[in-house]
Amino acid sequence: MDIYTDTIRDLGPADKLRLVEEIWDDLAAEESPLPLPGWAVTEAARRRDEMLADPNLGSTDEEVWKGINDSRNG
């Protein structure tokens, strides 16, 4: 392991989350698109095709948020 990995492992959950948020914000600020591995593009296309073939497979945004709220209150 390197010093950076060891340092990250020593952080508490709140600090790790803050670090992830900073990394995410930095990635979002990139002007060029992020490269995607071939498997991710293939999987996204497969899921898109599956949803186009049967739209009932998906969930509405209301269903998704209800599930999130239910899991928080469960």
N, C-alpha and C. Protein backbone atom coordinates (compact mmCIF):
# COMPACT_ATOMS: atom_id res chain seq x y z
N MET A 1 0.83 -1.19 0.00
CA MET A 1 0.00 0.00 0.00
C MET A 1 0.87 1.25 0.00
N ASP A 2 0.26 2.35 -0.39
CA ASP A 2 0.99 3.60 -0.36
C ASP A 2 0.45 4.50 0.75
N ILE A 3 1.13 5.58 1.00
CA ILE A 3 0.76 6.47 2.10
C ILE A 3 -0.63 7.06 1.91
N TYR A 4 -1.02 7.32 0.65
CA TYR A 4 -2.34 7.90 0.40
C TYR A 4 -3.45 6.91 0.75
N THR A 5 -3.29 5.68 0.33
CA THR A 5 -4.30 4.66 0.63
C THR A 5 -4.42 4.44 2.12
N ASP A 6 -3.28 4.34 2.81
CA ASP A 6 -3.30 4.15 4.26
C ASP A 6 -3.96 5.33 4.96
N THR A 7 -3.68 6.54 4.49
CA THR A 7 -4.28 7.73 5.08
C THR A 7 -5.79 7.73 4.89
N ILE A 8 -6.24 7.36 3.71
CA ILE A 8 -7.68 7.32 3.44
C ILE A 8 -8.35 6.27 4.32
N ARG A 9 -7.73 5.13 4.49
CA ARG A 9 -8.31 4.08 5.34
C ARG A 9 -8.42 4.52 6.78
N ASP A 10 -7.56 5.42 7.22
CA ASP A 10 -7.58 5.89 8.60
C ASP A 10 -8.64 6.96 8.84
N LEU A 11 -9.22 7.50 7.78
CA LEU A 11 -10.25 8.53 7.93
C LEU A 11 -11.53 7.94 8.48
N GLY A 12 -12.29 8.75 9.17
CA GLY A 12 -13.61 8.34 9.62
C GLY A 12 -14.60 8.43 8.48
N PRO A 13 -15.79 7.86 8.65
CA PRO A 13 -16.80 7.85 7.58
C PRO A 13 -17.15 9.24 7.06
N ALA A 14 -17.31 10.22 7.94
CA ALA A 14 -17.69 11.57 7.49
C ALA A 14 -16.58 12.18 6.62
N ASP A 15 -15.33 11.98 7.01
CA ASP A 15 -14.22 12.52 6.23
C ASP A 15 -14.08 11.79 4.90
N LYS A 16 -14.33 10.48 4.88
CA LYS A 16 -14.28 9.73 3.63
C LYS A 16 -15.36 10.24 2.67
N LEU A 17 -16.55 10.48 3.20
CA LEU A 17 -17.64 10.98 2.37
C LEU A 17 -17.29 12.37 1.83
N ARG A 18 -16.71 13.22 2.65
CA ARG A 18 -16.31 14.54 2.21
C ARG A 18 -15.27 14.44 1.08
N LEU A 19 -14.34 13.50 1.22
CA LEU A 19 -13.33 13.29 0.18
C LEU A 19 -13.97 12.83 -1.13
N VAL A 20 -14.92 11.90 -1.03
CA VAL A 20 -15.63 11.43 -2.23
C VAL A 20 -16.37 12.59 -2.89
N GLU A 21 -17.01 13.44 -2.09
CA GLU A 21 -17.72 14.59 -2.65
C GLU A 21 -16.76 15.53 -3.38
N GLU A 22 -15.59 15.77 -2.79
CA GLU A 22 -14.61 16.64 -3.44
C GLU A 22 -14.12 16.04 -4.75
N ILE A 23 -13.88 14.73 -4.75
CA ILE A 23 -13.45 14.06 -5.99
C ILE A 23 -14.56 14.14 -7.03
N TRP A 24 -15.79 13.89 -6.61
CA TRP A 24 -16.93 13.94 -7.53
C TRP A 24 -17.07 15.33 -8.14
N ASP A 25 -16.97 16.37 -7.30
CA ASP A 25 -17.08 17.74 -7.79
C ASP A 25 -15.96 18.05 -8.78
N ASP A 26 -14.76 17.56 -8.49
CA ASP A 26 -13.63 17.78 -9.38
C ASP A 26 -13.87 17.11 -10.74
N LEU A 27 -14.38 15.88 -10.71
CA LEU A 27 -14.69 15.18 -11.96
C LEU A 27 -15.78 15.91 -12.74
N ALA A 28 -16.79 16.41 -12.03
CA ALA A 28 -17.90 17.11 -12.68
C ALA A 28 -17.43 18.39 -13.36
N ALA A 29 -16.35 18.98 -12.86
CA ALA A 29 -15.85 20.22 -13.43
C ALA A 29 -15.04 19.99 -14.70
N GLU A 30 -14.72 18.75 -15.01
CA GLU A 30 -13.97 18.44 -16.23
C GLU A 30 -14.78 18.84 -17.45
N GLU A 31 -14.12 19.46 -18.39
CA GLU A 31 -14.82 19.88 -19.61
C GLU A 31 -14.94 18.76 -20.63
N SER A 32 -13.98 17.85 -20.64
CA SER A 32 -14.04 16.75 -21.60
C SER A 32 -14.77 15.57 -20.96
N PRO A 33 -15.46 14.78 -21.78
CA PRO A 33 -16.19 13.64 -21.22
C PRO A 33 -15.23 12.62 -20.62
N LEU A 34 -15.70 11.97 -19.58
CA LEU A 34 -14.89 10.93 -18.95
C LEU A 34 -14.92 9.69 -19.82
N PRO A 35 -13.80 9.02 -19.94
CA PRO A 35 -13.78 7.80 -20.75
C PRO A 35 -14.53 6.68 -20.03
N LEU A 36 -15.31 5.95 -20.78
CA LEU A 36 -16.04 4.82 -20.23
C LEU A 36 -15.44 3.52 -20.77
N PRO A 37 -15.32 2.52 -19.91
CA PRO A 37 -14.85 1.24 -20.42
C PRO A 37 -15.90 0.62 -21.34
N GLY A 38 -15.45 -0.19 -22.26
CA GLY A 38 -16.36 -0.81 -23.22
C GLY A 38 -17.50 -1.57 -22.59
N TRP A 39 -17.21 -2.27 -21.47
CA TRP A 39 -18.26 -3.06 -20.82
C TRP A 39 -19.38 -2.16 -20.31
N ALA A 40 -19.06 -0.93 -19.87
CA ALA A 40 -20.08 -0.03 -19.35
C ALA A 40 -20.99 0.47 -20.47
N VAL A 41 -20.40 0.76 -21.61
CA VAL A 41 -21.19 1.20 -22.77
C VAL A 41 -22.09 0.07 -23.23
N THR A 42 -21.56 -1.14 -23.28
CA THR A 42 -22.34 -2.31 -23.69
C THR A 42 -23.50 -2.54 -22.73
N GLU A 43 -23.24 -2.45 -21.44
CA GLU A 43 -24.28 -2.67 -20.44
C GLU A 43 -25.35 -1.59 -20.50
N ALA A 44 -24.95 -0.34 -20.69
CA ALA A 44 -25.92 0.75 -20.80
C ALA A 44 -26.82 0.54 -22.02
N ALA A 45 -26.23 0.13 -23.13
CA ALA A 45 -27.02 -0.13 -24.34
C ALA A 45 -27.98 -1.29 -24.12
N ARG A 46 -27.52 -2.33 -23.43
CA ARG A 46 -28.38 -3.49 -23.15
C ARG A 46 -29.58 -3.07 -22.30
N ARG A 47 -29.32 -2.28 -21.27
CA ARG A 47 -30.41 -1.83 -20.40
C ARG A 47 -31.37 -0.91 -21.13
N ARG A 48 -30.83 -0.02 -21.98
CA ARG A 48 -31.69 0.87 -22.77
C ARG A 48 -32.60 0.05 -23.67
N ASP A 49 -32.02 -0.93 -24.37
CA ASP A 49 -32.80 -1.77 -25.27
C ASP A 49 -33.87 -2.55 -24.51
N GLU A 50 -33.51 -3.02 -23.33
CA GLU A 50 -34.45 -3.77 -22.50
C GLU A 50 -35.63 -2.89 -22.09
N MET A 51 -35.34 -1.65 -21.71
CA MET A 51 -36.41 -0.73 -21.30
C MET A 51 -37.28 -0.32 -22.49
N LEU A 52 -36.66 -0.13 -23.66
CA LEU A 52 -37.45 0.23 -24.84
C LEU A 52 -38.37 -0.91 -25.24
N ALA A 53 -37.92 -2.14 -25.05
CA ALA A 53 -38.73 -3.31 -25.39
C ALA A 53 -39.88 -3.50 -24.42
N ASP A 54 -39.67 -3.15 -23.14
CA ASP A 54 -40.72 -3.31 -22.13
C ASP A 54 -40.61 -2.20 -21.09
N PRO A 55 -41.26 -1.05 -21.35
CA PRO A 55 -41.17 0.09 -20.43
C PRO A 55 -41.68 -0.22 -19.02
N ASN A 56 -42.47 -1.28 -18.86
CA ASN A 56 -42.97 -1.63 -17.53
C ASN A 56 -41.89 -2.18 -16.60
N LEU A 57 -40.71 -2.46 -17.14
CA LEU A 57 -39.62 -2.96 -16.31
C LEU A 57 -39.10 -1.90 -15.35
N GLY A 58 -39.24 -0.65 -15.72
CA GLY A 58 -38.69 0.44 -14.92
C GLY A 58 -39.63 0.90 -13.83
N SER A 59 -39.15 1.85 -13.05
CA SER A 59 -39.94 2.45 -11.98
C SER A 59 -40.10 3.93 -12.28
N THR A 60 -41.23 4.48 -11.87
CA THR A 60 -41.41 5.92 -12.01
C THR A 60 -40.58 6.62 -10.94
N ASP A 61 -40.37 7.91 -11.12
CA ASP A 61 -39.61 8.64 -10.10
C ASP A 61 -40.35 8.62 -8.76
N GLU A 62 -41.67 8.63 -8.79
CA GLU A 62 -42.43 8.57 -7.55
C GLU A 62 -42.18 7.24 -6.83
N GLU A 63 -42.14 6.14 -7.58
CA GLU A 63 -41.87 4.83 -6.98
C GLU A 63 -40.46 4.76 -6.38
N VAL A 64 -39.51 5.34 -7.09
CA VAL A 64 -38.13 5.33 -6.60
C VAL A 64 -38.04 6.12 -5.30
N TRP A 65 -38.59 7.32 -5.27
CA TRP A 65 -38.52 8.14 -4.06
C TRP A 65 -39.29 7.51 -2.91
N LYS A 66 -40.41 6.86 -3.20
CA LYS A 66 -41.15 6.18 -2.14
C LYS A 66 -40.29 5.08 -1.53
N GLY A 67 -39.59 4.31 -2.38
CA GLY A 67 -38.72 3.27 -1.89
C GLY A 67 -37.58 3.81 -1.02
N ILE A 68 -37.03 4.95 -1.45
CA ILE A 68 -35.97 5.58 -0.66
C ILE A 68 -36.52 6.03 0.68
N ASN A 69 -37.64 6.71 0.67
CA ASN A 69 -38.22 7.20 1.91
C ASN A 69 -38.64 6.04 2.83
N ASP A 70 -39.20 5.00 2.25
CA ASP A 70 -39.58 3.84 3.05
C ASP A 70 -38.37 3.20 3.71
N SER A 71 -37.26 3.13 3.00
CA SER A 71 -36.06 2.50 3.57
C SER A 71 -35.48 3.36 4.68
N ARG A 72 -35.64 4.66 4.59
CA ARG A 72 -35.16 5.56 5.65
C ARG A 72 -36.02 5.47 6.91
N ASN A 73 -37.30 5.22 6.71
CA ASN A 73 -38.23 5.18 7.83
C ASN A 73 -38.50 3.79 8.37
N GLY A 74 -37.93 2.80 7.67
CA GLY A 74 -38.21 1.39 7.95
C GLY A 74 -37.70 0.93 9.23
